[in-house]
Amino acid sequence: MVQVYPNPTAESISIVGKKDGEFVKIYNMLGTLVLYSQESEISVSSLADGSYIVVVGNSIIKLIKK
């Protein structure tokens, strides 16, 4: 099971449960890919405040950036 914390966040997120080689994809609410990474620590400070969808493997998590 994949977990994203802290949520909501302002600066960065940590991904727990991500397998080696899995990509983290972050989409805005319009479905546009806004961030793509293989890291477990990801800075989201460049993203606008709002809601996002984080996809890791088969897991989908709603993220709130504030």
PDB file of N, CA and C in Angstrom:
ATOM      1  N   MET A   1       0.845  -1.184   0.000  1.00  0.00           N
ATOM      2  CA  MET A   1       0.000   0.000   0.000  1.00  0.00           C
ATOM      3  C   MET A   1       0.889   1.246   0.000  1.00  0.00           C
ATOM      4  N   VAL A   2       0.599   2.176  -0.878  1.00  0.00           N
ATOM      5  CA  VAL A   2       1.379   3.402  -1.017  1.00  0.00           C
ATOM      6  C   VAL A   2       0.745   4.497  -0.172  1.00  0.00           C
ATOM      7  N   GLN A   3       1.588   5.269   0.538  1.00  0.00           N
ATOM      8  CA  GLN A   3       1.114   6.403   1.330  1.00  0.00           C
ATOM      9  C   GLN A   3       1.899   7.646   0.941  1.00  0.00           C
ATOM     10  N   VAL A   4       1.218   8.777   0.952  1.00  0.00           N
ATOM     11  CA  VAL A   4       1.833  10.066   0.658  1.00  0.00           C
ATOM     12  C   VAL A   4       1.643  10.951   1.880  1.00  0.00           C
ATOM     13  N   TYR A   5       2.733  11.524   2.378  1.00  0.00           N
ATOM     14  CA  TYR A   5       2.625  12.426   3.520  1.00  0.00           C
ATOM     15  C   TYR A   5       3.678  13.510   3.420  1.00  0.00           C
ATOM     16  N   PRO A   6       3.534  14.672   4.040  1.00  0.00           N
ATOM     17  CA  PRO A   6       2.285  15.127   4.666  1.00  0.00           C
ATOM     18  C   PRO A   6       1.253  15.493   3.612  1.00  0.00           C
ATOM     19  N   ASN A   7       0.022  15.406   3.976  1.00  0.00           N
ATOM     20  CA  ASN A   7      -1.067  15.729   3.062  1.00  0.00           C
ATOM     21  C   ASN A   7      -2.201  16.341   3.875  1.00  0.00           C
ATOM     22  N   PRO A   8      -2.442  17.629   3.763  1.00  0.00           N
ATOM     23  CA  PRO A   8      -1.935  18.587   2.774  1.00  0.00           C
ATOM     24  C   PRO A   8      -0.483  18.987   3.044  1.00  0.00           C
ATOM     25  N   THR A   9       0.148  19.541   2.014  1.00  0.00           N
ATOM     26  CA  THR A   9       1.545  19.952   2.097  1.00  0.00           C
ATOM     27  C   THR A   9       1.745  21.297   1.422  1.00  0.00           C
ATOM     28  N   ALA A  10       2.872  21.933   1.742  1.00  0.00           N
ATOM     29  CA  ALA A  10       3.223  23.191   1.088  1.00  0.00           C
ATOM     30  C   ALA A  10       4.548  23.066   0.337  1.00  0.00           C
ATOM     31  N   GLU A  11       5.450  22.204   0.825  1.00  0.00           N
ATOM     32  CA  GLU A  11       6.799  22.150   0.268  1.00  0.00           C
ATOM     33  C   GLU A  11       7.139  20.851  -0.467  1.00  0.00           C
ATOM     34  N   SER A  12       6.998  19.717   0.242  1.00  0.00           N
ATOM     35  CA  SER A  12       7.410  18.445  -0.357  1.00  0.00           C
ATOM     36  C   SER A  12       6.558  17.307   0.181  1.00  0.00           C
ATOM     37  N   ILE A  13       6.622  16.178  -0.528  1.00  0.00           N
ATOM     38  CA  ILE A  13       5.913  14.973  -0.088  1.00  0.00           C
ATOM     39  C   ILE A  13       6.893  13.815  -0.026  1.00  0.00           C
ATOM     40  N   SER A  14       6.582  12.864   0.826  1.00  0.00           N
ATOM     41  CA  SER A  14       7.320  11.610   0.906  1.00  0.00           C
ATOM     42  C   SER A  14       6.387  10.496   0.470  1.00  0.00           C
ATOM     43  N   ILE A  15       6.934   9.571  -0.307  1.00  0.00           N
ATOM     44  CA  ILE A  15       6.158   8.430  -0.791  1.00  0.00           C
ATOM     45  C   ILE A  15       6.654   7.192  -0.057  1.00  0.00           C
ATOM     46  N   VAL A  16       5.751   6.508   0.648  1.00  0.00           N
ATOM     47  CA  VAL A  16       6.090   5.286   1.365  1.00  0.00           C
ATOM     48  C   VAL A  16       5.394   4.123   0.662  1.00  0.00           C
ATOM     49  N   GLY A  17       6.120   3.037   0.428  1.00  0.00           N
ATOM     50  CA  GLY A  17       5.537   1.863  -0.200  1.00  0.00           C
ATOM     51  C   GLY A  17       5.779   1.791  -1.697  1.00  0.00           C
ATOM     52  N   LYS A  18       6.517   2.762  -2.228  1.00  0.00           N
ATOM     53  CA  LYS A  18       6.845   2.758  -3.664  1.00  0.00           C
ATOM     54  C   LYS A  18       7.926   1.727  -3.920  1.00  0.00           C
ATOM     55  N   LYS A  19       7.732   0.926  -4.934  1.00  0.00           N
ATOM     56  CA  LYS A  19       8.720  -0.093  -5.299  1.00  0.00           C
ATOM     57  C   LYS A  19       9.832   0.529  -6.126  1.00  0.00           C
ATOM     58  N   ASP A  20      11.013  -0.055  -6.066  1.00  0.00           N
ATOM     59  CA  ASP A  20      12.130   0.425  -6.883  1.00  0.00           C
ATOM     60  C   ASP A  20      11.740   0.388  -8.351  1.00  0.00           C
ATOM     61  N   GLY A  21      12.043   1.460  -9.060  1.00  0.00           N
ATOM     62  CA  GLY A  21      11.733   1.521 -10.483  1.00  0.00           C
ATOM     63  C   GLY A  21      10.361   2.077 -10.804  1.00  0.00           C
ATOM     64  N   GLU A  22       9.491   2.207  -9.795  1.00  0.00           N
ATOM     65  CA  GLU A  22       8.163   2.774 -10.042  1.00  0.00           C
ATOM     66  C   GLU A  22       8.259   4.286 -10.184  1.00  0.00           C
ATOM     67  N   PHE A  23       7.451   4.824 -11.058  1.00  0.00           N
ATOM     68  CA  PHE A  23       7.401   6.260 -11.260  1.00  0.00           C
ATOM     69  C   PHE A  23       6.261   6.857 -10.465  1.00  0.00           C
ATOM     70  N   VAL A  24       6.455   8.087 -10.022  1.00  0.00           N
ATOM     71  CA  VAL A  24       5.414   8.873  -9.365  1.00  0.00           C
ATOM     72  C   VAL A  24       4.958   9.910 -10.381  1.00  0.00           C
ATOM     73  N   LYS A  25       3.667   9.925 -10.652  1.00  0.00           N
ATOM     74  CA  LYS A  25       3.099  10.892 -11.600  1.00  0.00           C
ATOM     75  C   LYS A  25       2.081  11.736 -10.846  1.00  0.00           C
ATOM     76  N   ILE A  26       2.196  13.044 -10.994  1.00  0.00           N
ATOM     77  CA  ILE A  26       1.261  13.958 -10.345  1.00  0.00           C
ATOM     78  C   ILE A  26       0.511  14.718 -11.431  1.00  0.00           C
ATOM     79  N   TYR A  27      -0.818  14.628 -11.351  1.00  0.00           N
ATOM     80  CA  TYR A  27      -1.692  15.257 -12.333  1.00  0.00           C
ATOM     81  C   TYR A  27      -2.502  16.365 -11.653  1.00  0.00           C
ATOM     82  N   ASN A  28      -2.781  17.439 -12.401  1.00  0.00           N
ATOM     83  CA  ASN A  28      -3.709  18.435 -11.878  1.00  0.00           C
ATOM     84  C   ASN A  28      -5.131  17.926 -12.100  1.00  0.00           C
ATOM     85  N   MET A  29      -6.115  18.682 -11.652  1.00  0.00           N
ATOM     86  CA  MET A  29      -7.500  18.211 -11.735  1.00  0.00           C
ATOM     87  C   MET A  29      -8.066  18.247 -13.153  1.00  0.00           C
ATOM     88  N   LEU A  30      -7.311  18.808 -14.099  1.00  0.00           N
ATOM     89  CA  LEU A  30      -7.714  18.769 -15.506  1.00  0.00           C
ATOM     90  C   LEU A  30      -7.146  17.539 -16.204  1.00  0.00           C
ATOM     91  N   GLY A  31      -6.336  16.756 -15.470  1.00  0.00           N
ATOM     92  CA  GLY A  31      -5.757  15.547 -16.038  1.00  0.00           C
ATOM     93  C   GLY A  31      -4.417  15.761 -16.710  1.00  0.00           C
ATOM     94  N   THR A  32      -3.836  16.940 -16.542  1.00  0.00           N
ATOM     95  CA  THR A  32      -2.538  17.248 -17.139  1.00  0.00           C
ATOM     96  C   THR A  32      -1.422  16.777 -16.215  1.00  0.00           C
ATOM     97  N   LEU A  33      -0.461  16.044 -16.768  1.00  0.00           N
ATOM     98  CA  LEU A  33       0.700  15.601 -15.999  1.00  0.00           C
ATOM     99  C   LEU A  33       1.554  16.824 -15.674  1.00  0.00           C
ATOM    100  N   VAL A  34       1.750  17.093 -14.379  1.00  0.00           N
ATOM    101  CA  VAL A  34       2.503  18.283 -13.972  1.00  0.00           C
ATOM    102  C   VAL A  34       3.830  17.946 -13.310  1.00  0.00           C
ATOM    103  N   LEU A  35       4.018  16.689 -12.887  1.00  0.00           N
ATOM    104  CA  LEU A  35       5.263  16.281 -12.252  1.00  0.00           C
ATOM    105  C   LEU A  35       5.460  14.783 -12.445  1.00  0.00           C
ATOM    106  N   TYR A  36       6.711  14.392 -12.681  1.00  0.00           N
ATOM    107  CA  TYR A  36       7.030  13.005 -12.994  1.00  0.00           C
ATOM    108  C   TYR A  36       8.374  12.703 -12.342  1.00  0.00           C
ATOM    109  N   SER A  37       8.461  11.657 -11.526  1.00  0.00           N
ATOM    110  CA  SER A  37       9.702  11.391 -10.806  1.00  0.00           C
ATOM    111  C   SER A  37       9.790   9.927 -10.403  1.00  0.00           C
ATOM    112  N   GLN A  38      11.020   9.476 -10.138  1.00  0.00           N
ATOM    113  CA  GLN A  38      11.240   8.151  -9.560  1.00  0.00           C
ATOM    114  C   GLN A  38      11.664   8.249  -8.105  1.00  0.00           C
ATOM    115  N   GLU A  39      11.752   9.465  -7.597  1.00  0.00           N
ATOM    116  CA  GLU A  39      12.207   9.696  -6.230  1.00  0.00           C
ATOM    117  C   GLU A  39      11.111   9.402  -5.212  1.00  0.00           C
ATOM    118  N   SER A  40      11.512   9.152  -3.959  1.00  0.00           N
ATOM    119  CA  SER A  40      10.558   8.958  -2.871  1.00  0.00           C
ATOM    120  C   SER A  40      10.297  10.251  -2.110  1.00  0.00           C
ATOM    121  N   GLU A  41      11.165  11.245  -2.295  1.00  0.00           N
ATOM    122  CA  GLU A  41      10.996  12.589  -1.731  1.00  0.00           C
ATOM    123  C   GLU A  41      10.847  13.545  -2.898  1.00  0.00           C
ATOM    124  N   ILE A  42       9.720  14.231  -2.990  1.00  0.00           N
ATOM    125  CA  ILE A  42       9.456  15.084  -4.147  1.00  0.00           C
ATOM    126  C   ILE A  42       9.057  16.481  -3.679  1.00  0.00           C
ATOM    127  N   SER A  43       9.723  17.495  -4.221  1.00  0.00           N
ATOM    128  CA  SER A  43       9.357  18.875  -3.939  1.00  0.00           C
ATOM    129  C   SER A  43       8.150  19.248  -4.794  1.00  0.00           C
ATOM    130  N   VAL A  44       7.126  19.771  -4.145  1.00  0.00           N
ATOM    131  CA  VAL A  44       5.935  20.236  -4.868  1.00  0.00           C
ATOM    132  C   VAL A  44       5.761  21.734  -4.691  1.00  0.00           C
ATOM    133  N   SER A  45       6.804  22.412  -4.207  1.00  0.00           N
ATOM    134  CA  SER A  45       6.710  23.848  -3.940  1.00  0.00           C
ATOM    135  C   SER A  45       6.447  24.661  -5.205  1.00  0.00           C
ATOM    136  N   SER A  46       6.820  24.140  -6.365  1.00  0.00           N
ATOM    137  CA  SER A  46       6.606  24.867  -7.624  1.00  0.00           C
ATOM    138  C   SER A  46       5.174  24.735  -8.133  1.00  0.00           C
ATOM    139  N   LEU A  47       4.392  23.817  -7.570  1.00  0.00           N
ATOM    140  CA  LEU A  47       3.008  23.632  -8.010  1.00  0.00           C
ATOM    141  C   LEU A  47       2.103  24.699  -7.393  1.00  0.00           C
ATOM    142  N   ALA A  48       1.093  25.090  -8.132  1.00  0.00           N
ATOM    143  CA  ALA A  48       0.107  26.039  -7.615  1.00  0.00           C
ATOM    144  C   ALA A  48      -0.722  25.373  -6.517  1.00  0.00           C
ATOM    145  N   ASP A  49      -1.232  26.178  -5.601  1.00  0.00           N
ATOM    146  CA  ASP A  49      -2.105  25.640  -4.557  1.00  0.00           C
ATOM    147  C   ASP A  49      -3.332  25.008  -5.194  1.00  0.00           C
ATOM    148  N   GLY A  50      -3.778  23.890  -4.618  1.00  0.00           N
ATOM    149  CA  GLY A  50      -4.961  23.214  -5.137  1.00  0.00           C
ATOM    150  C   GLY A  50      -4.889  21.713  -4.925  1.00  0.00           C
ATOM    151  N   SER A  51      -5.740  20.985  -5.614  1.00  0.00           N
ATOM    152  CA  SER A  51      -5.824  19.529  -5.500  1.00  0.00           C
ATOM    153  C   SER A  51      -5.128  18.857  -6.681  1.00  0.00           C
ATOM    154  N   TYR A  52      -4.484  17.742  -6.390  1.00  0.00           N
ATOM    155  CA  TYR A  52      -3.759  16.977  -7.396  1.00  0.00           C
ATOM    156  C   TYR A  52      -4.022  15.494  -7.177  1.00  0.00           C
ATOM    157  N   ILE A  53      -3.746  14.712  -8.206  1.00  0.00           N
ATOM    158  CA  ILE A  53      -3.848  13.259  -8.122  1.00  0.00           C
ATOM    159  C   ILE A  53      -2.434  12.696  -8.261  1.00  0.00           C
ATOM    160  N   VAL A  54      -2.041  11.883  -7.281  1.00  0.00           N
ATOM    161  CA  VAL A  54      -0.732  11.232  -7.299  1.00  0.00           C
ATOM    162  C   VAL A  54      -0.945   9.773  -7.690  1.00  0.00           C
ATOM    163  N   VAL A  55      -0.255   9.321  -8.733  1.00  0.00           N
ATOM    164  CA  VAL A  55      -0.367   7.943  -9.196  1.00  0.00           C
ATOM    165  C   VAL A  55       0.990   7.270  -9.019  1.00  0.00           C
ATOM    166  N   VAL A  56       0.991   6.173  -8.253  1.00  0.00           N
ATOM    167  CA  VAL A  56       2.196   5.374  -8.041  1.00  0.00           C
ATOM    168  C   VAL A  56       1.798   3.920  -8.293  1.00  0.00           C
ATOM    169  N   GLY A  57       2.278   3.346  -9.389  1.00  0.00           N
ATOM    170  CA  GLY A  57       1.868   1.989  -9.731  1.00  0.00           C
ATOM    171  C   GLY A  57       0.361   1.948  -9.923  1.00  0.00           C
ATOM    172  N   ASN A  58      -0.314   1.086  -9.137  1.00  0.00           N
ATOM    173  CA  ASN A  58      -1.770   0.971  -9.213  1.00  0.00           C
ATOM    174  C   ASN A  58      -2.482   1.828  -8.170  1.00  0.00           C
ATOM    175  N   SER A  59      -1.725   2.591  -7.384  1.00  0.00           N
ATOM    176  CA  SER A  59      -2.310   3.402  -6.317  1.00  0.00           C
ATOM    177  C   SER A  59      -2.593   4.817  -6.808  1.00  0.00           C
ATOM    178  N   ILE A  60      -3.733   5.345  -6.392  1.00  0.00           N
ATOM    179  CA  ILE A  60      -4.142   6.709  -6.728  1.00  0.00           C
ATOM    180  C   ILE A  60      -4.477   7.420  -5.421  1.00  0.00           C
ATOM    181  N   ILE A  61      -3.793   8.557  -5.185  1.00  0.00           N
ATOM    182  CA  ILE A  61      -3.972   9.296  -3.936  1.00  0.00           C
ATOM    183  C   ILE A  61      -4.273  10.741  -4.269  1.00  0.00           C
ATOM    184  N   LYS A  62      -5.252  11.331  -3.578  1.00  0.00           N
ATOM    185  CA  LYS A  62      -5.530  12.762  -3.750  1.00  0.00           C
ATOM    186  C   LYS A  62      -4.583  13.539  -2.856  1.00  0.00           C
ATOM    187  N   LEU A  63      -3.953  14.557  -3.430  1.00  0.00           N
ATOM    188  CA  LEU A  63      -3.002  15.405  -2.724  1.00  0.00           C
ATOM    189  C   LEU A  63      -3.510  16.832  -2.716  1.00  0.00           C
ATOM    190  N   ILE A  64      -3.406  17.493  -1.577  1.00  0.00           N
ATOM    191  CA  ILE A  64      -3.774  18.899  -1.479  1.00  0.00           C
ATOM    192  C   ILE A  64      -2.509  19.709  -1.244  1.00  0.00           C
ATOM    193  N   LYS A  65      -2.244  20.645  -2.141  1.00  0.00           N
ATOM    194  CA  LYS A  65      -1.093  21.538  -2.038  1.00  0.00           C
ATOM    195  C   LYS A  65      -1.616  22.868  -1.537  1.00  0.00           C
ATOM    196  N   LYS A  66      -1.007  23.379  -0.445  1.00  0.00           N
ATOM    197  CA  LYS A  66      -1.474  24.674   0.086  1.00  0.00           C
ATOM    198  C   LYS A  66      -0.328  25.633   0.275  1.00  0.00           C
TER     199      LYS A  66
END
